Amino acid sequence: MAGIFERFKNFPKAAPYIVVTETAERFSFYGMKAILSTFLIAQFFNPTNNPALQETAEAHSNEVTHLFVALVYLLSIAGGILADYFLGRYRTILFLSIVYCIGHAFLAMFDTNYQLFYAGLLLIAIGAGGVKPNVSVMVGDQFENESDANIAKLYDIFYFGINVGAFFSMLITPVLKNSRYGAPLAFGVPGILMFLALVTFYFGKSKYKIKLPKHTRKTEKISFKEQFMSVWKVLVVFSFIPIFWALYDQNGSEFVLQAGKMDLHFMGVDWLQEQIQVVNALLILILIPVFSFGIYPLLEKIGIRVTALRKIGWGLIVLTLTFVLVAWIQTQIDHGVTLNIGWQLLAYVLLTVAEIFVSITGLEYAFSQAPKSMKSTIMALFFFTVFLGNILVSYINNNTQAGGFFSHYKGADYFWLFTGIMAVNALLYYVAIWAFNIRDTVTVDSVRDELHQ
């Protein structure tokens, strides 16, 4: 443990506590989410494994999973407002982490009770929604100077920690679900990790720079117009990210169901279909240092500036290509060809590159561009884009169940539909950046300069 904490010597003393808290919390979240789609089908939507009901059960499961994720990120708005204007970040995280733990307990204890299981999902959504934007902002809060280059480095480590938790949870919980103890153990272990996150966060209190709402409002002296313009430019960028999440978050639902129709024997191992998601987390752990210390410096060296706006644009394009590959895979499956899971792993490589370009950049961008008194709220607005993306996918799956317009998009056509949506979204992003003259550095100071020109 001492060796791990030694790695943080160049960062604020609070850094290891925040990173470990986030790692454990993400284990809890991704662990339960990894098995949610398949559990809902087997336990509630098609327990008899009737082939005639499977397609509808899969659509229903996808709808519920995306609706749950959407609710988590919708409630992040409430968490951000609660922290910025009432409780402050520390107390918001502490109190809602307790709710989070209770939600996990419900999943473990009431895995056969439809209503109480859903109550557990609701409690987790409330807890995760409150914790998510505030832990992310507390990373930057620990620095005296918001222009400190170490902030970006710590966000890389923070995101690395997220994926350490995600990697091990997605590897372990499917095995636990298939053990003799089944769902109660598979949902219970993530609950234990969430309790560990709560304890770790509490014991770091003496190390934190705790900013209360009244303190940030006193230290920030900008006009309402300057504040509005700063937030407006951030929202223009954020408006194109919901479609990114609509496609990206299918790796935890539609990708899992597609994997179940493929040859899961790869590199001498017979994988469980839920375990394939672990590749995304593993690739993040590998590719973050590759991009941070290799690819980005190389691009700068050859004269290509690596900026936040460019990285987001690159991510939208790469995710479009990801879905071209996923749609091709589904086409082969629809034609009766059983492809090896290695093809989907290639799609995960592209998906992960897109995530590095958009998701990590979005965290840094949300913190660095927000007025001091709105840090949690702006971070929550970034996470709100996840809500919008998942609501879109949930609606499409609901419409499919009901025999509506989107019921025509089945099999490969479903993935081609999202490929087209993403391609248009990427094009409009570049048009908007040009039309609204969005700069690669949008700060309160730069907005003030524009207003006075």
Protein backbone atom coordinates (compact mmCIF):
# COMPACT_ATOMS: atom_id res chain seq x y z
CA MET A 1 0.00 0.00 0.00
CA ALA A 2 2.87 2.37 0.82
CA GLY A 3 4.28 1.83 -2.66
CA ILE A 4 0.98 2.81 -4.26
CA PHE A 5 0.76 6.00 -2.20
CA GLU A 6 4.41 6.83 -3.04
CA ARG A 7 3.38 7.28 -6.68
CA PHE A 8 1.31 10.29 -5.61
CA LYS A 9 4.19 12.25 -4.03
CA ASN A 10 4.03 14.97 -6.70
CA PHE A 11 0.30 15.47 -6.18
CA PRO A 12 -1.79 16.84 -3.28
CA LYS A 13 -1.93 14.55 -0.22
CA ALA A 14 -5.63 13.96 -0.81
CA ALA A 15 -5.06 12.45 -4.27
CA PRO A 16 -4.62 8.78 -3.30
CA TYR A 17 -7.77 8.80 -1.17
CA ILE A 18 -9.84 10.26 -4.00
CA VAL A 19 -8.42 7.86 -6.60
CA VAL A 20 -8.91 4.79 -4.38
CA THR A 21 -12.46 5.94 -3.57
CA GLU A 22 -13.28 6.26 -7.27
CA THR A 23 -11.64 2.91 -8.10
CA ALA A 24 -13.73 1.06 -5.50
CA GLU A 25 -16.92 2.93 -6.44
CA ARG A 26 -16.45 2.14 -10.11
CA PHE A 27 -15.89 -1.54 -9.24
CA SER A 28 -19.26 -1.50 -7.50
CA PHE A 29 -21.04 0.24 -10.38
CA TYR A 30 -19.53 -1.62 -13.32
CA GLY A 31 -19.68 -4.92 -11.45
CA MET A 32 -23.44 -4.84 -11.07
CA LYS A 33 -23.94 -3.29 -14.51
CA ALA A 34 -21.85 -6.01 -16.19
CA ILE A 35 -24.40 -8.70 -15.32
CA LEU A 36 -27.56 -6.58 -15.31
CA SER A 37 -28.70 -7.17 -18.91
CA THR A 38 -28.34 -10.96 -18.84
CA PHE A 39 -29.70 -11.20 -15.26
CA LEU A 40 -32.87 -9.30 -16.13
CA ILE A 41 -33.57 -11.64 -19.05
CA ALA A 42 -32.89 -14.84 -17.10
CA GLN A 43 -34.66 -13.79 -13.89
CA PHE A 44 -37.58 -11.62 -14.98
CA PHE A 45 -38.13 -11.24 -18.74
CA ASN A 46 -37.60 -14.78 -20.09
CA PRO A 47 -36.93 -17.15 -17.18
CA THR A 48 -38.06 -20.21 -19.19
CA ASN A 49 -35.61 -19.38 -22.00
CA ASN A 50 -38.40 -19.47 -24.57
CA PRO A 51 -36.93 -18.74 -28.03
CA ALA A 52 -40.17 -17.03 -29.08
CA LEU A 53 -39.78 -14.51 -26.26
CA GLN A 54 -36.04 -13.92 -26.53
CA GLU A 55 -36.03 -11.02 -28.98
CA THR A 56 -38.59 -9.06 -26.96
CA ALA A 57 -36.82 -9.96 -23.70
CA GLU A 58 -33.52 -8.66 -25.08
CA ALA A 59 -35.12 -5.39 -26.18
CA HIS A 60 -36.79 -5.03 -22.75
CA SER A 61 -33.49 -5.72 -20.98
CA ASN A 62 -31.65 -3.20 -23.15
CA GLU A 63 -34.36 -0.64 -22.45
CA VAL A 64 -34.14 -1.09 -18.67
CA THR A 65 -30.33 -1.11 -18.62
CA HIS A 66 -30.05 2.10 -20.63
CA LEU A 67 -32.86 3.70 -18.61
CA PHE A 68 -31.00 2.87 -15.38
CA VAL A 69 -27.75 4.36 -16.69
CA ALA A 70 -29.67 7.39 -17.95
CA LEU A 71 -31.22 7.93 -14.52
CA VAL A 72 -27.81 7.78 -12.83
CA TYR A 73 -26.52 10.58 -15.01
CA LEU A 74 -29.74 12.60 -14.88
CA LEU A 75 -29.47 12.63 -11.09
CA SER A 76 -25.90 13.88 -11.39
CA ILE A 77 -27.49 17.28 -12.09
CA ALA A 78 -29.15 17.15 -8.68
CA GLY A 79 -25.85 16.04 -7.13
CA GLY A 80 -24.00 18.94 -8.72
CA ILE A 81 -26.55 21.53 -7.62
CA LEU A 82 -26.68 20.04 -4.11
CA ALA A 83 -22.90 20.39 -3.82
CA ASP A 84 -22.50 23.83 -5.45
CA TYR A 85 -25.33 25.56 -3.65
CA PHE A 86 -26.11 23.67 -0.42
CA LEU A 87 -23.92 20.96 1.12
CA GLY A 88 -20.58 21.27 -0.61
CA ARG A 89 -18.84 18.38 -2.37
CA TYR A 90 -17.53 16.50 0.68
CA ARG A 91 -20.85 16.14 2.50
CA THR A 92 -22.78 15.41 -0.71
CA ILE A 93 -20.43 12.53 -1.52
CA LEU A 94 -20.48 11.20 2.05
CA PHE A 95 -24.26 11.22 2.53
CA LEU A 96 -25.16 9.85 -0.90
CA SER A 97 -22.53 7.10 -0.65
CA ILE A 98 -24.58 5.70 2.23
CA VAL A 99 -27.66 5.62 -0.02
CA TYR A 100 -25.49 3.95 -2.66
CA CYS A 101 -24.51 1.15 -0.24
CA ILE A 102 -28.14 0.54 0.74
CA GLY A 103 -29.03 0.19 -2.95
CA HIS A 104 -26.42 -2.54 -3.44
CA ALA A 105 -27.77 -4.35 -0.38
CA PHE A 106 -31.24 -4.35 -1.98
CA LEU A 107 -29.91 -5.97 -5.17
CA ALA A 108 -28.17 -8.72 -3.20
CA MET A 109 -31.09 -9.45 -0.87
CA PHE A 110 -34.04 -9.07 -3.26
CA ASP A 111 -32.74 -10.64 -6.48
CA THR A 112 -36.02 -12.56 -6.95
CA ASN A 113 -38.36 -9.68 -6.09
CA TYR A 114 -39.04 -7.50 -9.13
CA GLN A 115 -40.26 -4.41 -7.23
CA LEU A 116 -37.59 -4.40 -4.52
CA PHE A 117 -34.83 -5.15 -7.02
CA TYR A 118 -35.92 -2.09 -8.98
CA ALA A 119 -35.99 -0.09 -5.73
CA GLY A 120 -32.32 -1.07 -5.31
CA LEU A 121 -31.53 0.20 -8.81
CA LEU A 122 -33.24 3.49 -7.94
CA LEU A 123 -31.18 3.89 -4.73
CA ILE A 124 -27.98 3.16 -6.65
CA ALA A 125 -28.98 5.74 -9.27
CA ILE A 126 -29.50 8.36 -6.54
CA GLY A 127 -26.19 7.51 -4.86
CA ALA A 128 -24.11 7.24 -8.03
CA GLY A 129 -25.70 10.37 -9.47
CA GLY A 130 -24.67 12.38 -6.44
CA VAL A 131 -21.19 10.93 -6.13
CA LYS A 132 -20.09 10.93 -9.77
CA PRO A 133 -19.77 14.66 -10.61
CA ASN A 134 -18.43 15.62 -7.20
CA VAL A 135 -15.60 13.12 -6.88
CA SER A 136 -14.44 14.16 -10.36
CA VAL A 137 -14.37 17.84 -9.36
CA MET A 138 -12.62 17.13 -6.06
CA VAL A 139 -9.63 15.98 -8.14
CA GLY A 140 -9.11 19.52 -9.42
CA ASP A 141 -10.15 21.13 -6.12
CA GLN A 142 -7.01 19.89 -4.42
CA PHE A 143 -4.78 22.18 -6.50
CA GLU A 144 -4.14 25.81 -5.62
CA ASN A 145 -3.64 26.79 -9.27
CA GLU A 146 -6.26 25.62 -11.78
CA SER A 147 -3.66 26.00 -14.56
CA ASP A 148 -1.33 23.49 -12.90
CA ALA A 149 -0.14 20.96 -15.50
CA ASN A 150 -0.40 18.22 -12.88
CA ILE A 151 -4.21 18.48 -12.96
CA ALA A 152 -4.34 16.80 -16.39
CA LYS A 153 -1.86 14.16 -15.20
CA LEU A 154 -3.93 13.44 -12.11
CA TYR A 155 -7.07 13.13 -14.24
CA ASP A 156 -5.23 10.50 -16.30
CA ILE A 157 -4.42 8.61 -13.09
CA PHE A 158 -7.99 9.13 -11.88
CA TYR A 159 -9.36 7.66 -15.11
CA PHE A 160 -6.81 4.86 -14.89
CA GLY A 161 -8.21 4.07 -11.43
CA ILE A 162 -11.75 4.03 -12.81
CA ASN A 163 -10.75 1.36 -15.28
CA VAL A 164 -8.80 -0.71 -12.76
CA GLY A 165 -12.08 -1.00 -10.86
CA ALA A 166 -14.05 -1.66 -14.04
CA PHE A 167 -11.57 -4.28 -15.28
CA PHE A 168 -11.63 -6.46 -12.18
CA SER A 169 -15.37 -6.06 -11.59
CA MET A 170 -16.31 -7.09 -15.14
CA LEU A 171 -13.91 -10.04 -14.93
CA ILE A 172 -15.12 -11.27 -11.54
CA THR A 173 -18.87 -10.62 -11.27
CA PRO A 174 -19.93 -12.81 -14.25
CA VAL A 175 -18.04 -15.70 -12.62
CA LEU A 176 -19.77 -15.01 -9.30
CA LYS A 177 -23.16 -14.92 -11.04
CA ASN A 178 -22.54 -18.38 -12.47
CA SER A 179 -21.29 -19.79 -9.15
CA ARG A 180 -23.39 -21.86 -6.74
CA TYR A 181 -24.27 -18.68 -4.81
CA GLY A 182 -25.50 -16.90 -7.94
CA ALA A 183 -26.88 -13.37 -8.10
CA PRO A 184 -26.84 -12.56 -4.34
CA LEU A 185 -23.05 -12.99 -4.26
CA ALA A 186 -22.53 -11.32 -7.65
CA PHE A 187 -24.48 -8.25 -6.53
CA GLY A 188 -23.19 -8.42 -2.95
CA VAL A 189 -19.48 -8.14 -3.74
CA PRO A 190 -19.91 -4.80 -5.58
CA GLY A 191 -21.82 -3.62 -2.51
CA ILE A 192 -18.84 -4.47 -0.30
CA LEU A 193 -16.56 -2.48 -2.61
CA MET A 194 -18.91 0.51 -2.40
CA PHE A 195 -18.71 0.33 1.39
CA LEU A 196 -14.90 0.27 1.03
CA ALA A 197 -15.15 3.40 -1.13
CA LEU A 198 -17.21 5.12 1.57
CA VAL A 199 -14.73 4.21 4.32
CA THR A 200 -11.70 5.28 2.26
CA PHE A 201 -13.29 8.62 1.43
CA TYR A 202 -14.18 9.27 5.08
CA PHE A 203 -10.66 8.57 6.33
CA GLY A 204 -9.18 11.03 3.85
CA LYS A 205 -11.09 13.98 5.31
CA SER A 206 -8.10 15.55 7.06
CA LYS A 207 -6.22 15.70 3.73
CA TYR A 208 -8.93 17.31 1.59
CA LYS A 209 -9.24 20.93 0.56
CA ILE A 210 -12.96 21.20 1.28
CA LYS A 211 -14.66 24.05 -0.58
CA LEU A 212 -18.07 25.10 0.69
CA PRO A 213 -20.54 26.96 -1.56
CA LYS A 214 -20.20 30.21 0.40
CA HIS A 215 -16.40 30.17 -0.05
CA THR A 216 -16.42 29.73 -3.84
CA ARG A 217 -19.04 32.43 -4.33
CA LYS A 218 -16.95 34.90 -2.31
CA THR A 219 -13.73 34.27 -4.24
CA GLU A 220 -15.26 34.46 -7.72
CA LYS A 221 -15.75 37.95 -9.08
CA ILE A 222 -17.22 37.71 -12.56
CA SER A 223 -20.36 39.23 -13.99
CA PHE A 224 -23.44 37.21 -14.85
CA LYS A 225 -22.85 37.91 -18.55
CA GLU A 226 -19.28 36.58 -18.38
CA GLN A 227 -20.49 33.51 -16.51
CA PHE A 228 -23.28 32.89 -19.02
CA MET A 229 -20.97 33.18 -22.04
CA SER A 230 -18.44 30.82 -20.47
CA VAL A 231 -21.12 28.19 -19.79
CA TRP A 232 -22.73 28.69 -23.22
CA LYS A 233 -19.54 27.81 -25.11
CA VAL A 234 -19.04 24.70 -23.01
CA LEU A 235 -22.63 23.62 -23.71
CA VAL A 236 -22.15 23.99 -27.46
CA VAL A 237 -19.36 21.40 -27.25
CA PHE A 238 -21.30 19.16 -24.86
CA SER A 239 -24.38 19.15 -27.13
CA PHE A 240 -22.67 16.70 -29.51
CA ILE A 241 -21.57 14.22 -26.85
CA PRO A 242 -24.97 12.56 -26.07
CA ILE A 243 -24.83 10.65 -29.38
CA PHE A 244 -21.34 9.47 -28.42
CA TRP A 245 -22.76 7.91 -25.23
CA ALA A 246 -25.76 6.48 -27.10
CA LEU A 247 -23.32 4.35 -29.07
CA TYR A 248 -20.59 3.86 -26.48
CA ASP A 249 -22.83 2.51 -23.69
CA GLN A 250 -24.11 -0.24 -25.96
CA ASN A 251 -20.89 -2.08 -25.07
CA GLY A 252 -22.59 -3.00 -21.78
CA SER A 253 -25.83 -4.27 -23.32
CA GLU A 254 -26.12 -4.76 -27.10
CA PHE A 255 -22.46 -5.80 -27.43
CA VAL A 256 -22.94 -8.38 -24.65
CA LEU A 257 -25.96 -9.89 -26.36
CA GLN A 258 -24.12 -9.94 -29.70
CA ALA A 259 -21.19 -11.72 -28.04
CA GLY A 260 -23.56 -14.49 -26.93
CA LYS A 261 -24.15 -15.32 -30.62
CA MET A 262 -20.42 -15.59 -31.43
CA ASP A 263 -17.71 -18.22 -30.91
CA LEU A 264 -16.41 -17.30 -27.44
CA HIS A 265 -13.32 -19.50 -27.60
CA PHE A 266 -10.37 -17.12 -27.92
CA MET A 267 -6.68 -17.52 -27.07
CA GLY A 268 -7.33 -20.90 -25.46
CA VAL A 269 -10.06 -19.60 -23.14
CA ASP A 270 -13.83 -20.12 -23.25
CA TRP A 271 -15.09 -16.69 -22.23
CA LEU A 272 -18.44 -15.85 -20.66
CA GLN A 273 -20.36 -13.39 -22.82
CA GLU A 274 -20.48 -10.79 -20.02
CA GLN A 275 -16.70 -10.97 -19.55
CA ILE A 276 -15.92 -9.60 -23.00
CA GLN A 277 -16.62 -6.10 -21.66
CA VAL A 278 -13.47 -6.38 -19.56
CA VAL A 279 -11.42 -5.81 -22.71
CA ASN A 280 -12.48 -2.16 -22.75
CA ALA A 281 -11.14 -1.55 -19.23
CA LEU A 282 -7.93 -3.48 -19.96
CA LEU A 283 -7.32 -1.51 -23.14
CA ILE A 284 -7.87 1.76 -21.25
CA LEU A 285 -5.13 0.75 -18.79
CA ILE A 286 -2.78 0.04 -21.69
CA LEU A 287 -3.68 2.90 -24.03
CA ILE A 288 -3.85 5.84 -21.60
CA PRO A 289 -0.05 5.85 -21.11
CA VAL A 290 0.45 5.06 -24.82
CA PHE A 291 -1.51 8.17 -25.82
CA SER A 292 -0.28 10.40 -22.98
CA PHE A 293 3.43 9.63 -23.34
CA GLY A 294 3.66 8.42 -26.93
CA ILE A 295 1.03 9.39 -29.47
CA TYR A 296 0.14 12.89 -28.23
CA PRO A 297 3.79 14.05 -27.93
CA LEU A 298 4.52 12.54 -31.35
CA LEU A 299 1.62 14.41 -32.95
CA GLU A 300 2.80 17.67 -31.35
CA LYS A 301 6.33 16.99 -32.58
CA ILE A 302 5.20 16.65 -36.20
CA GLY A 303 3.15 19.84 -35.97
CA ILE A 304 -0.35 18.57 -35.17
CA ARG A 305 -1.71 20.41 -32.13
CA VAL A 306 -3.48 18.10 -29.71
CA THR A 307 -6.31 20.18 -28.24
CA ALA A 308 -9.48 19.32 -26.36
CA LEU A 309 -11.77 20.21 -29.26
CA ARG A 310 -9.71 18.21 -31.73
CA LYS A 311 -9.62 15.15 -29.49
CA ILE A 312 -13.39 15.21 -29.09
CA GLY A 313 -13.85 15.47 -32.85
CA TRP A 314 -11.43 12.58 -33.46
CA GLY A 315 -13.35 10.50 -30.94
CA LEU A 316 -16.66 11.03 -32.73
CA ILE A 317 -15.11 9.86 -36.01
CA VAL A 318 -13.45 6.79 -34.47
CA LEU A 319 -16.71 5.73 -32.82
CA THR A 320 -18.44 5.94 -36.20
CA LEU A 321 -15.86 3.49 -37.56
CA THR A 322 -16.41 1.26 -34.53
CA PHE A 323 -20.06 0.85 -35.38
CA VAL A 324 -19.29 0.19 -39.03
CA LEU A 325 -17.34 -2.85 -37.80
CA VAL A 326 -20.03 -3.90 -35.28
CA ALA A 327 -22.72 -3.62 -37.97
CA TRP A 328 -20.61 -5.78 -40.30
CA ILE A 329 -20.23 -8.40 -37.53
CA GLN A 330 -23.99 -8.46 -37.01
CA THR A 331 -24.53 -8.81 -40.76
CA GLN A 332 -22.46 -12.00 -40.73
CA ILE A 333 -24.40 -13.32 -37.72
CA ASP A 334 -27.72 -12.54 -39.46
CA HIS A 335 -26.53 -14.59 -42.44
CA GLY A 336 -25.81 -17.58 -40.22
CA VAL A 337 -22.06 -17.13 -39.96
CA THR A 338 -20.58 -17.75 -36.50
CA LEU A 339 -17.68 -15.33 -36.18
CA ASN A 340 -15.00 -15.64 -33.51
CA ILE A 341 -15.21 -13.13 -30.67
CA GLY A 342 -11.85 -11.75 -31.82
CA TRP A 343 -13.74 -9.60 -34.34
CA GLN A 344 -15.68 -7.91 -31.55
CA LEU A 345 -12.44 -7.42 -29.63
CA LEU A 346 -11.17 -5.39 -32.59
CA ALA A 347 -14.28 -3.22 -32.26
CA TYR A 348 -13.43 -2.75 -28.58
CA VAL A 349 -10.00 -1.41 -29.55
CA LEU A 350 -11.62 1.31 -31.67
CA LEU A 351 -14.24 1.95 -28.97
CA THR A 352 -11.51 2.46 -26.37
CA VAL A 353 -9.58 4.91 -28.54
CA ALA A 354 -12.79 6.91 -29.00
CA GLU A 355 -13.32 6.85 -25.22
CA ILE A 356 -9.83 8.22 -24.56
CA PHE A 357 -10.41 11.05 -27.02
CA VAL A 358 -13.86 12.03 -25.67
CA SER A 359 -14.42 10.87 -22.11
CA ILE A 360 -11.13 11.79 -20.41
CA THR A 361 -11.00 15.04 -22.37
CA GLY A 362 -14.57 15.81 -21.30
CA LEU A 363 -13.68 15.51 -17.60
CA GLU A 364 -10.73 17.90 -17.94
CA TYR A 365 -12.71 20.28 -20.15
CA ALA A 366 -15.67 20.40 -17.76
CA PHE A 367 -13.45 21.26 -14.79
CA SER A 368 -11.16 23.75 -16.52
CA GLN A 369 -13.85 25.76 -18.31
CA ALA A 370 -16.40 26.10 -15.49
CA PRO A 371 -16.69 29.17 -13.24
CA LYS A 372 -15.46 28.37 -9.71
CA SER A 373 -18.94 28.50 -8.20
CA MET A 374 -20.32 26.04 -10.79
CA LYS A 375 -17.66 23.32 -10.95
CA SER A 376 -19.89 20.45 -9.83
CA THR A 377 -22.85 21.73 -11.86
CA ILE A 378 -20.83 21.92 -15.11
CA MET A 379 -19.30 18.50 -14.42
CA ALA A 380 -22.85 17.23 -13.89
CA LEU A 381 -23.87 18.74 -17.23
CA PHE A 382 -21.09 16.71 -18.87
CA PHE A 383 -22.50 13.59 -17.23
CA PHE A 384 -25.99 14.71 -18.27
CA THR A 385 -24.89 13.98 -21.84
CA VAL A 386 -24.69 10.32 -20.77
CA PHE A 387 -28.33 10.54 -19.63
CA LEU A 388 -29.45 11.94 -22.98
CA GLY A 389 -27.57 9.28 -24.95
CA ASN A 390 -28.98 6.40 -22.91
CA ILE A 391 -32.51 7.81 -23.01
CA LEU A 392 -32.28 7.78 -26.81
CA VAL A 393 -31.23 4.13 -26.89
CA SER A 394 -33.82 3.17 -24.27
CA TYR A 395 -36.54 4.89 -26.33
CA ILE A 396 -35.50 3.09 -29.51
CA ASN A 397 -35.56 -0.29 -27.73
CA ASN A 398 -38.95 0.52 -26.19
CA ASN A 399 -40.26 1.50 -29.61
CA THR A 400 -38.93 -1.77 -31.01
CA GLN A 401 -40.83 -3.79 -28.37
CA ALA A 402 -44.02 -1.90 -29.14
CA GLY A 403 -43.75 -2.60 -32.87
CA GLY A 404 -43.17 1.06 -33.68
CA PHE A 405 -41.07 2.74 -36.35
CA PHE A 406 -37.75 1.43 -35.04
CA SER A 407 -38.99 -2.17 -35.03
CA HIS A 408 -37.90 -2.21 -38.68
CA TYR A 409 -34.29 -1.81 -37.57
CA LYS A 410 -33.40 -5.29 -36.41
CA GLY A 411 -30.16 -7.21 -36.49
CA ALA A 412 -27.47 -5.42 -38.49
CA ASP A 413 -29.87 -2.63 -39.48
CA TYR A 414 -30.03 -1.61 -35.81
CA PHE A 415 -26.28 -0.96 -35.73
CA TRP A 416 -26.27 0.68 -39.17
CA LEU A 417 -28.94 3.08 -37.88
CA PHE A 418 -26.62 4.27 -35.09
CA THR A 419 -23.67 4.40 -37.47
CA GLY A 420 -25.54 6.89 -39.64
CA ILE A 421 -26.67 8.96 -36.66
CA MET A 422 -23.09 9.16 -35.38
CA ALA A 423 -21.69 10.15 -38.79
CA VAL A 424 -24.14 13.06 -39.06
CA ASN A 425 -23.41 14.07 -35.46
CA ALA A 426 -19.66 14.18 -36.10
CA LEU A 427 -20.15 16.37 -39.18
CA LEU A 428 -22.44 18.79 -37.30
CA TYR A 429 -19.89 19.03 -34.49
CA TYR A 430 -17.26 20.44 -36.82
CA VAL A 431 -19.82 22.79 -38.40
CA ALA A 432 -20.85 24.11 -34.97
CA ILE A 433 -17.26 24.64 -33.79
CA TRP A 434 -16.63 26.73 -36.90
CA ALA A 435 -19.99 28.56 -36.88
CA PHE A 436 -19.83 29.56 -33.19
CA ASN A 437 -16.09 30.26 -33.29
CA ILE A 438 -15.43 27.98 -30.32
CA ARG A 439 -11.80 28.22 -29.24
CA ASP A 440 -9.67 25.36 -27.99
CA THR A 441 -9.24 27.23 -24.73
CA VAL A 442 -12.49 28.61 -23.34
CA THR A 443 -11.97 30.17 -19.92
CA VAL A 444 -13.64 32.95 -17.99
CA ASP A 445 -10.66 35.18 -18.80
CA SER A 446 -10.90 34.55 -22.54
CA VAL A 447 -14.66 35.19 -22.47
CA ARG A 448 -14.04 38.46 -20.63
CA ASP A 449 -11.51 39.49 -23.31
CA GLU A 450 -14.07 38.79 -26.07
CA LEU A 451 -16.78 40.79 -24.30
CA HIS A 452 -14.50 43.81 -24.01
CA GLN A 453 -13.30 43.75 -27.61
